[in-house]
PDB file of N, CA and C in Angstrom:
ATOM      1  N   PHE A   1       4.245  24.778  -4.511  1.00  0.00           N
ATOM      2  CA  PHE A   1       5.647  25.133  -4.402  1.00  0.00           C
ATOM      3  C   PHE A   1       6.427  23.921  -3.897  1.00  0.00           C
ATOM      4  N   GLN A   2       7.710  23.919  -4.129  1.00  0.00           N
ATOM      5  CA  GLN A   2       8.561  22.854  -3.605  1.00  0.00           C
ATOM      6  C   GLN A   2       8.735  23.068  -2.101  1.00  0.00           C
ATOM      7  N   ASN A   3       8.808  21.966  -1.362  1.00  0.00           N
ATOM      8  CA  ASN A   3       9.001  22.079   0.086  1.00  0.00           C
ATOM      9  C   ASN A   3      10.365  22.697   0.389  1.00  0.00           C
ATOM     10  N   PHE A   4      10.489  23.274   1.578  1.00  0.00           N
ATOM     11  CA  PHE A   4      11.747  23.896   1.986  1.00  0.00           C
ATOM     12  C   PHE A   4      12.000  23.593   3.450  1.00  0.00           C
ATOM     13  N   PRO A   5      13.168  23.206   3.870  1.00  0.00           N
ATOM     14  CA  PRO A   5      14.298  22.844   3.017  1.00  0.00           C
ATOM     15  C   PRO A   5      14.086  21.475   2.381  1.00  0.00           C
ATOM     16  N   ASN A   6      14.854  21.202   1.363  1.00  0.00           N
ATOM     17  CA  ASN A   6      14.804  19.912   0.683  1.00  0.00           C
ATOM     18  C   ASN A   6      16.195  19.620   0.137  1.00  0.00           C
ATOM     19  N   PRO A   7      16.915  18.663   0.675  1.00  0.00           N
ATOM     20  CA  PRO A   7      16.561  17.670   1.682  1.00  0.00           C
ATOM     21  C   PRO A   7      16.339  18.306   3.054  1.00  0.00           C
ATOM     22  N   PHE A   8      15.628  17.549   3.910  1.00  0.00           N
ATOM     23  CA  PHE A   8      15.274  18.058   5.235  1.00  0.00           C
ATOM     24  C   PHE A   8      15.559  17.031   6.313  1.00  0.00           C
ATOM     25  N   ASN A   9      15.674  17.515   7.546  1.00  0.00           N
ATOM     26  CA  ASN A   9      15.860  16.662   8.718  1.00  0.00           C
ATOM     27  C   ASN A   9      15.566  17.473   9.959  1.00  0.00           C
ATOM     28  N   PRO A  10      14.588  17.221  10.740  1.00  0.00           N
ATOM     29  CA  PRO A  10      13.528  16.231  10.542  1.00  0.00           C
ATOM     30  C   PRO A  10      12.250  16.818   9.961  1.00  0.00           C
ATOM     31  N   SER A  11      12.165  18.181   9.837  1.00  0.00           N
ATOM     32  CA  SER A  11      10.899  18.738   9.365  1.00  0.00           C
ATOM     33  C   SER A  11      11.113  19.634   8.152  1.00  0.00           C
ATOM     34  N   THR A  12      10.019  19.825   7.414  1.00  0.00           N
ATOM     35  CA  THR A  12      10.037  20.652   6.216  1.00  0.00           C
ATOM     36  C   THR A  12       8.718  21.408   6.130  1.00  0.00           C
ATOM     37  N   THR A  13       8.744  22.532   5.433  1.00  0.00           N
ATOM     38  CA  THR A  13       7.544  23.337   5.235  1.00  0.00           C
ATOM     39  C   THR A  13       7.059  23.156   3.799  1.00  0.00           C
ATOM     40  N   ILE A  14       5.772  22.856   3.669  1.00  0.00           N
ATOM     41  CA  ILE A  14       5.145  22.667   2.363  1.00  0.00           C
ATOM     42  C   ILE A  14       4.188  23.838   2.155  1.00  0.00           C
ATOM     43  N   ARG A  15       4.444  24.627   1.115  1.00  0.00           N
ATOM     44  CA  ARG A  15       3.598  25.770   0.802  1.00  0.00           C
ATOM     45  C   ARG A  15       2.765  25.457  -0.435  1.00  0.00           C
ATOM     46  N   TYR A  16       1.533  25.986  -0.452  1.00  0.00           N
ATOM     47  CA  TYR A  16       0.679  25.815  -1.625  1.00  0.00           C
ATOM     48  C   TYR A  16      -0.278  26.989  -1.714  1.00  0.00           C
ATOM     49  N   ALA A  17      -0.776  27.232  -2.900  1.00  0.00           N
ATOM     50  CA  ALA A  17      -1.718  28.326  -3.146  1.00  0.00           C
ATOM     51  C   ALA A  17      -3.007  27.762  -3.731  1.00  0.00           C
ATOM     52  N   VAL A  18      -4.114  28.363  -3.331  1.00  0.00           N
ATOM     53  CA  VAL A  18      -5.433  27.964  -3.815  1.00  0.00           C
ATOM     54  C   VAL A  18      -6.052  29.184  -4.508  1.00  0.00           C
ATOM     55  N   PRO A  19      -6.330  29.117  -5.831  1.00  0.00           N
ATOM     56  CA  PRO A  19      -6.859  30.281  -6.551  1.00  0.00           C
ATOM     57  C   PRO A  19      -8.345  30.554  -6.300  1.00  0.00           C
ATOM     58  N   LYS A  20      -9.101  29.504  -5.940  1.00  0.00           N
ATOM     59  CA  LYS A  20     -10.529  29.678  -5.646  1.00  0.00           C
ATOM     60  C   LYS A  20     -10.926  28.668  -4.573  1.00  0.00           C
ATOM     61  N   SER A  21     -12.024  28.908  -3.914  1.00  0.00           N
ATOM     62  CA  SER A  21     -12.471  27.997  -2.854  1.00  0.00           C
ATOM     63  C   SER A  21     -12.677  26.600  -3.414  1.00  0.00           C
ATOM     64  N   CYS A  22     -12.082  25.605  -2.749  1.00  0.00           N
ATOM     65  CA  CYS A  22     -12.229  24.226  -3.182  1.00  0.00           C
ATOM     66  C   CYS A  22     -11.750  23.301  -2.054  1.00  0.00           C
ATOM     67  N   HIS A  23     -12.061  22.025  -2.223  1.00  0.00           N
ATOM     68  CA  HIS A  23     -11.591  21.032  -1.272  1.00  0.00           C
ATOM     69  C   HIS A  23     -10.125  20.739  -1.574  1.00  0.00           C
ATOM     70  N   VAL A  24      -9.284  20.753  -0.529  1.00  0.00           N
ATOM     71  CA  VAL A  24      -7.852  20.525  -0.673  1.00  0.00           C
ATOM     72  C   VAL A  24      -7.466  19.277   0.102  1.00  0.00           C
ATOM     73  N   ASN A  25      -6.698  18.407  -0.548  1.00  0.00           N
ATOM     74  CA  ASN A  25      -6.153  17.227   0.103  1.00  0.00           C
ATOM     75  C   ASN A  25      -4.654  17.227  -0.133  1.00  0.00           C
ATOM     76  N   LEU A  26      -3.876  17.252   0.953  1.00  0.00           N
ATOM     77  CA  LEU A  26      -2.413  17.236   0.887  1.00  0.00           C
ATOM     78  C   LEU A  26      -1.948  15.995   1.638  1.00  0.00           C
ATOM     79  N   THR A  27      -1.378  15.046   0.900  1.00  0.00           N
ATOM     80  CA  THR A  27      -1.029  13.743   1.461  1.00  0.00           C
ATOM     81  C   THR A  27       0.422  13.407   1.136  1.00  0.00           C
ATOM     82  N   VAL A  28       1.093  12.746   2.088  1.00  0.00           N
ATOM     83  CA  VAL A  28       2.471  12.297   1.897  1.00  0.00           C
ATOM     84  C   VAL A  28       2.462  10.782   1.724  1.00  0.00           C
ATOM     85  N   TYR A  29       3.211  10.294   0.712  1.00  0.00           N
ATOM     86  CA  TYR A  29       3.318   8.864   0.421  1.00  0.00           C
ATOM     87  C   TYR A  29       4.789   8.468   0.415  1.00  0.00           C
ATOM     88  N   ASN A  30       5.057   7.178   0.675  1.00  0.00           N
ATOM     89  CA  ASN A  30       6.420   6.683   0.465  1.00  0.00           C
ATOM     90  C   ASN A  30       6.551   6.242  -0.990  1.00  0.00           C
ATOM     91  N   LEU A  31       7.718   5.728  -1.357  1.00  0.00           N
ATOM     92  CA  LEU A  31       7.961   5.395  -2.767  1.00  0.00           C
ATOM     93  C   LEU A  31       7.182   4.190  -3.277  1.00  0.00           C
ATOM     94  N   VAL A  32       6.636   3.374  -2.388  1.00  0.00           N
ATOM     95  CA  VAL A  32       5.830   2.245  -2.849  1.00  0.00           C
ATOM     96  C   VAL A  32       4.340   2.589  -2.843  1.00  0.00           C
ATOM     97  N   GLY A  33       4.011   3.855  -2.543  1.00  0.00           N
ATOM     98  CA  GLY A  33       2.632   4.305  -2.617  1.00  0.00           C
ATOM     99  C   GLY A  33       1.843   4.205  -1.336  1.00  0.00           C
ATOM    100  N   LYS A  34       2.490   3.844  -0.227  1.00  0.00           N
ATOM    101  CA  LYS A  34       1.791   3.758   1.054  1.00  0.00           C
ATOM    102  C   LYS A  34       1.578   5.161   1.608  1.00  0.00           C
ATOM    103  N   GLU A  35       0.347   5.437   2.037  1.00  0.00           N
ATOM    104  CA  GLU A  35       0.026   6.734   2.624  1.00  0.00           C
ATOM    105  C   GLU A  35       0.724   6.857   3.977  1.00  0.00           C
ATOM    106  N   ILE A  36       1.507   7.925   4.144  1.00  0.00           N
ATOM    107  CA  ILE A  36       2.254   8.157   5.371  1.00  0.00           C
ATOM    108  C   ILE A  36       1.539   9.157   6.268  1.00  0.00           C
ATOM    109  N   ALA A  37       1.009  10.229   5.684  1.00  0.00           N
ATOM    110  CA  ALA A  37       0.336  11.266   6.474  1.00  0.00           C
ATOM    111  C   ALA A  37      -0.626  12.063   5.602  1.00  0.00           C
ATOM    112  N   VAL A  38      -1.767  12.423   6.173  1.00  0.00           N
ATOM    113  CA  VAL A  38      -2.694  13.359   5.538  1.00  0.00           C
ATOM    114  C   VAL A  38      -2.518  14.680   6.282  1.00  0.00           C
ATOM    115  N   LEU A  39      -2.003  15.679   5.594  1.00  0.00           N
ATOM    116  CA  LEU A  39      -1.690  16.957   6.227  1.00  0.00           C
ATOM    117  C   LEU A  39      -2.843  17.951   6.152  1.00  0.00           C
ATOM    118  N   VAL A  40      -3.618  17.882   5.063  1.00  0.00           N
ATOM    119  CA  VAL A  40      -4.777  18.761   4.886  1.00  0.00           C
ATOM    120  C   VAL A  40      -5.863  17.947   4.201  1.00  0.00           C
ATOM    121  N   ASN A  41      -7.092  18.087   4.691  1.00  0.00           N
ATOM    122  CA  ASN A  41      -8.239  17.438   4.055  1.00  0.00           C
ATOM    123  C   ASN A  41      -9.482  18.256   4.394  1.00  0.00           C
ATOM    124  N   GLU A  42      -9.581  19.439   3.775  1.00  0.00           N
ATOM    125  CA  GLU A  42     -10.689  20.341   4.077  1.00  0.00           C
ATOM    126  C   GLU A  42     -10.841  21.383   2.979  1.00  0.00           C
ATOM    127  N   THR A  43     -11.935  22.117   3.011  1.00  0.00           N
ATOM    128  CA  THR A  43     -12.170  23.181   2.051  1.00  0.00           C
ATOM    129  C   THR A  43     -11.359  24.405   2.454  1.00  0.00           C
ATOM    130  N   ARG A  44     -10.680  24.995   1.472  1.00  0.00           N
ATOM    131  CA  ARG A  44      -9.869  26.194   1.705  1.00  0.00           C
ATOM    132  C   ARG A  44     -10.378  27.323   0.820  1.00  0.00           C
ATOM    133  N   THR A  45     -10.294  28.534   1.331  1.00  0.00           N
ATOM    134  CA  THR A  45     -10.631  29.729   0.561  1.00  0.00           C
ATOM    135  C   THR A  45      -9.391  30.167  -0.213  1.00  0.00           C
ATOM    136  N   PRO A  46      -9.537  31.051  -1.197  1.00  0.00           N
ATOM    137  CA  PRO A  46      -8.373  31.484  -1.981  1.00  0.00           C
ATOM    138  C   PRO A  46      -7.279  32.074  -1.090  1.00  0.00           C
ATOM    139  N   GLY A  47      -6.024  31.739  -1.420  1.00  0.00           N
ATOM    140  CA  GLY A  47      -4.897  32.279  -0.673  1.00  0.00           C
ATOM    141  C   GLY A  47      -3.723  31.328  -0.671  1.00  0.00           C
ATOM    142  N   GLU A  48      -2.665  31.722   0.054  1.00  0.00           N
ATOM    143  CA  GLU A  48      -1.479  30.886   0.209  1.00  0.00           C
ATOM    144  C   GLU A  48      -1.462  30.290   1.600  1.00  0.00           C
ATOM    145  N   TYR A  49      -1.033  29.035   1.676  1.00  0.00           N
ATOM    146  CA  TYR A  49      -1.011  28.297   2.934  1.00  0.00           C
ATOM    147  C   TYR A  49       0.326  27.587   3.093  1.00  0.00           C
ATOM    148  N   SER A  50       0.646  27.215   4.310  1.00  0.00           N
ATOM    149  CA  SER A  50       1.843  26.409   4.551  1.00  0.00           C
ATOM    150  C   SER A  50       1.555  25.415   5.663  1.00  0.00           C
ATOM    151  N   VAL A  51       2.194  24.261   5.555  1.00  0.00           N
ATOM    152  CA  VAL A  51       2.049  23.174   6.521  1.00  0.00           C
ATOM    153  C   VAL A  51       3.447  22.675   6.846  1.00  0.00           C
ATOM    154  N   VAL A  52       3.724  22.442   8.119  1.00  0.00           N
ATOM    155  CA  VAL A  52       5.007  21.860   8.517  1.00  0.00           C
ATOM    156  C   VAL A  52       4.799  20.369   8.707  1.00  0.00           C
ATOM    157  N   TRP A  53       5.656  19.574   8.082  1.00  0.00           N
ATOM    158  CA  TRP A  53       5.601  18.116   8.222  1.00  0.00           C
ATOM    159  C   TRP A  53       6.876  17.646   8.891  1.00  0.00           C
ATOM    160  N   ASN A  54       6.716  16.834   9.924  1.00  0.00           N
ATOM    161  CA  ASN A  54       7.851  16.328  10.684  1.00  0.00           C
ATOM    162  C   ASN A  54       8.014  14.839  10.398  1.00  0.00           C
ATOM    163  N   GLY A  55       9.184  14.460   9.880  1.00  0.00           N
ATOM    164  CA  GLY A  55       9.448  13.062   9.551  1.00  0.00           C
ATOM    165  C   GLY A  55      10.404  12.409  10.530  1.00  0.00           C
ATOM    166  N   LYS A  56      10.407  12.870  11.791  1.00  0.00           N
ATOM    167  CA  LYS A  56      11.395  12.385  12.769  1.00  0.00           C
ATOM    168  C   LYS A  56      11.322  10.886  13.017  1.00  0.00           C
ATOM    169  N   ASP A  57      10.176  10.275  12.857  1.00  0.00           N
ATOM    170  CA  ASP A  57      10.035   8.840  13.132  1.00  0.00           C
ATOM    171  C   ASP A  57      10.172   7.978  11.875  1.00  0.00           C
ATOM    172  N   LEU A  58      10.542   8.592  10.761  1.00  0.00           N
ATOM    173  CA  LEU A  58      10.626   7.878   9.489  1.00  0.00           C
ATOM    174  C   LEU A  58      12.074   7.671   9.071  1.00  0.00           C
ATOM    175  N   ALA A  59      12.282   6.716   8.184  1.00  0.00           N
ATOM    176  CA  ALA A  59      13.625   6.420   7.664  1.00  0.00           C
ATOM    177  C   ALA A  59      14.010   7.436   6.596  1.00  0.00           C
ATOM    178  N   SER A  60      15.312   7.619   6.417  1.00  0.00           N
ATOM    179  CA  SER A  60      15.810   8.450   5.321  1.00  0.00           C
ATOM    180  C   SER A  60      15.312   7.859   4.007  1.00  0.00           C
ATOM    181  N   SER A  61      14.708   8.691   3.193  1.00  0.00           N
ATOM    182  CA  SER A  61      14.169   8.216   1.921  1.00  0.00           C
ATOM    183  C   SER A  61      13.607   9.393   1.148  1.00  0.00           C
ATOM    184  N   ILE A  62      13.120   9.103  -0.038  1.00  0.00           N
ATOM    185  CA  ILE A  62      12.364  10.087  -0.810  1.00  0.00           C
ATOM    186  C   ILE A  62      10.885   9.829  -0.540  1.00  0.00           C
ATOM    187  N   TYR A  63      10.159  10.895  -0.264  1.00  0.00           N
ATOM    188  CA  TYR A  63       8.725  10.823  -0.041  1.00  0.00           C
ATOM    189  C   TYR A  63       8.034  11.683  -1.086  1.00  0.00           C
ATOM    190  N   LEU A  64       6.797  11.354  -1.401  1.00  0.00           N
ATOM    191  CA  LEU A  64       6.032  12.084  -2.400  1.00  0.00           C
ATOM    192  C   LEU A  64       4.916  12.848  -1.719  1.00  0.00           C
ATOM    193  N   CYS A  65       4.811  14.116  -2.051  1.00  0.00           N
ATOM    194  CA  CYS A  65       3.758  14.974  -1.524  1.00  0.00           C
ATOM    195  C   CYS A  65       2.753  15.201  -2.646  1.00  0.00           C
ATOM    196  N   ARG A  66       1.506  14.822  -2.412  1.00  0.00           N
ATOM    197  CA  ARG A  66       0.463  14.954  -3.443  1.00  0.00           C
ATOM    198  C   ARG A  66      -0.552  15.996  -2.988  1.00  0.00           C
ATOM    199  N   LEU A  67      -0.721  17.011  -3.816  1.00  0.00           N
ATOM    200  CA  LEU A  67      -1.710  18.056  -3.557  1.00  0.00           C
ATOM    201  C   LEU A  67      -2.838  17.911  -4.559  1.00  0.00           C
ATOM    202  N   LYS A  68      -4.064  17.779  -4.046  1.00  0.00           N
ATOM    203  CA  LYS A  68      -5.247  17.770  -4.899  1.00  0.00           C
ATOM    204  C   LYS A  68      -6.122  18.924  -4.442  1.00  0.00           C
ATOM    205  N   ALA A  69      -6.320  19.894  -5.324  1.00  0.00           N
ATOM    206  CA  ALA A  69      -7.154  21.056  -5.035  1.00  0.00           C
ATOM    207  C   ALA A  69      -8.180  21.176  -6.150  1.00  0.00           C
ATOM    208  N   GLY A  70      -9.407  20.812  -5.837  1.00  0.00           N
ATOM    209  CA  GLY A  70     -10.435  20.777  -6.878  1.00  0.00           C
ATOM    210  C   GLY A  70     -10.060  19.725  -7.907  1.00  0.00           C
ATOM    211  N   ASN A  71      -9.934  20.111  -9.184  1.00  0.00           N
ATOM    212  CA  ASN A  71      -9.552  19.187 -10.258  1.00  0.00           C
ATOM    213  C   ASN A  71      -8.053  19.178 -10.527  1.00  0.00           C
ATOM    214  N   HIS A  72      -7.313  20.002  -9.811  1.00  0.00           N
ATOM    215  CA  HIS A  72      -5.869  20.133 -10.015  1.00  0.00           C
ATOM    216  C   HIS A  72      -5.110  19.165  -9.100  1.00  0.00           C
ATOM    217  N   ILE A  73      -4.149  18.419  -9.673  1.00  0.00           N
ATOM    218  CA  ILE A  73      -3.337  17.480  -8.888  1.00  0.00           C
ATOM    219  C   ILE A  73      -1.872  17.713  -9.225  1.00  0.00           C
ATOM    220  N   GLU A  74      -1.027  17.800  -8.186  1.00  0.00           N
ATOM    221  CA  GLU A  74       0.423  17.922  -8.349  1.00  0.00           C
ATOM    222  C   GLU A  74       1.116  17.017  -7.375  1.00  0.00           C
ATOM    223  N   MET A  75       2.298  16.539  -7.775  1.00  0.00           N
ATOM    224  CA  MET A  75       3.144  15.740  -6.883  1.00  0.00           C
ATOM    225  C   MET A  75       4.544  16.325  -6.876  1.00  0.00           C
ATOM    226  N   ARG A  76       5.175  16.292  -5.702  1.00  0.00           N
ATOM    227  CA  ARG A  76       6.551  16.757  -5.548  1.00  0.00           C
ATOM    228  C   ARG A  76       7.337  15.741  -4.739  1.00  0.00           C
ATOM    229  N   LYS A  77       8.629  15.617  -5.065  1.00  0.00           N
ATOM    230  CA  LYS A  77       9.512  14.730  -4.322  1.00  0.00           C
ATOM    231  C   LYS A  77      10.124  15.502  -3.157  1.00  0.00           C
ATOM    232  N   MET A  78      10.206  14.836  -2.008  1.00  0.00           N
ATOM    233  CA  MET A  78      10.836  15.411  -0.820  1.00  0.00           C
ATOM    234  C   MET A  78      11.838  14.391  -0.287  1.00  0.00           C
ATOM    235  N   MET A  79      13.040  14.837   0.082  1.00  0.00           N
ATOM    236  CA  MET A  79      14.063  13.918   0.542  1.00  0.00           C
ATOM    237  C   MET A  79      14.330  14.135   2.038  1.00  0.00           C
ATOM    238  N   LEU A  80      14.049  13.074   2.815  1.00  0.00           N
ATOM    239  CA  LEU A  80      14.366  13.064   4.245  1.00  0.00           C
ATOM    240  C   LEU A  80      15.727  12.441   4.383  1.00  0.00           C
ATOM    241  N   GLN A  81      16.664  13.188   4.953  1.00  0.00           N
ATOM    242  CA  GLN A  81      18.053  12.737   5.070  1.00  0.00           C
ATOM    243  C   GLN A  81      18.478  12.846   6.523  1.00  0.00           C
ATOM    244  N   LYS A  82      18.749  11.700   7.129  1.00  0.00           N
ATOM    245  CA  LYS A  82      19.152  11.710   8.551  1.00  0.00           C
ATOM    246  C   LYS A  82      20.625  11.471   8.687  1.00  0.00           C
TER     247      LYS A  82
END
């Protein structure tokens, strides 16, 4: 799902669903591809989850949230606006 709120200041909630048990990696990157934060890196059982990410120490910018669950990969844009 898309993060909410978006744009955000200073924190946002990232929701995702896992259809079957698998390893989940949820990582935030800046626009040049530098890893900013690893929010989830563990095996999850089927269900819906949410993670709050706080960007209070970061500059206003667009950040990319990458979700890898098993063989499935998605990316979403998130805008931090101060």
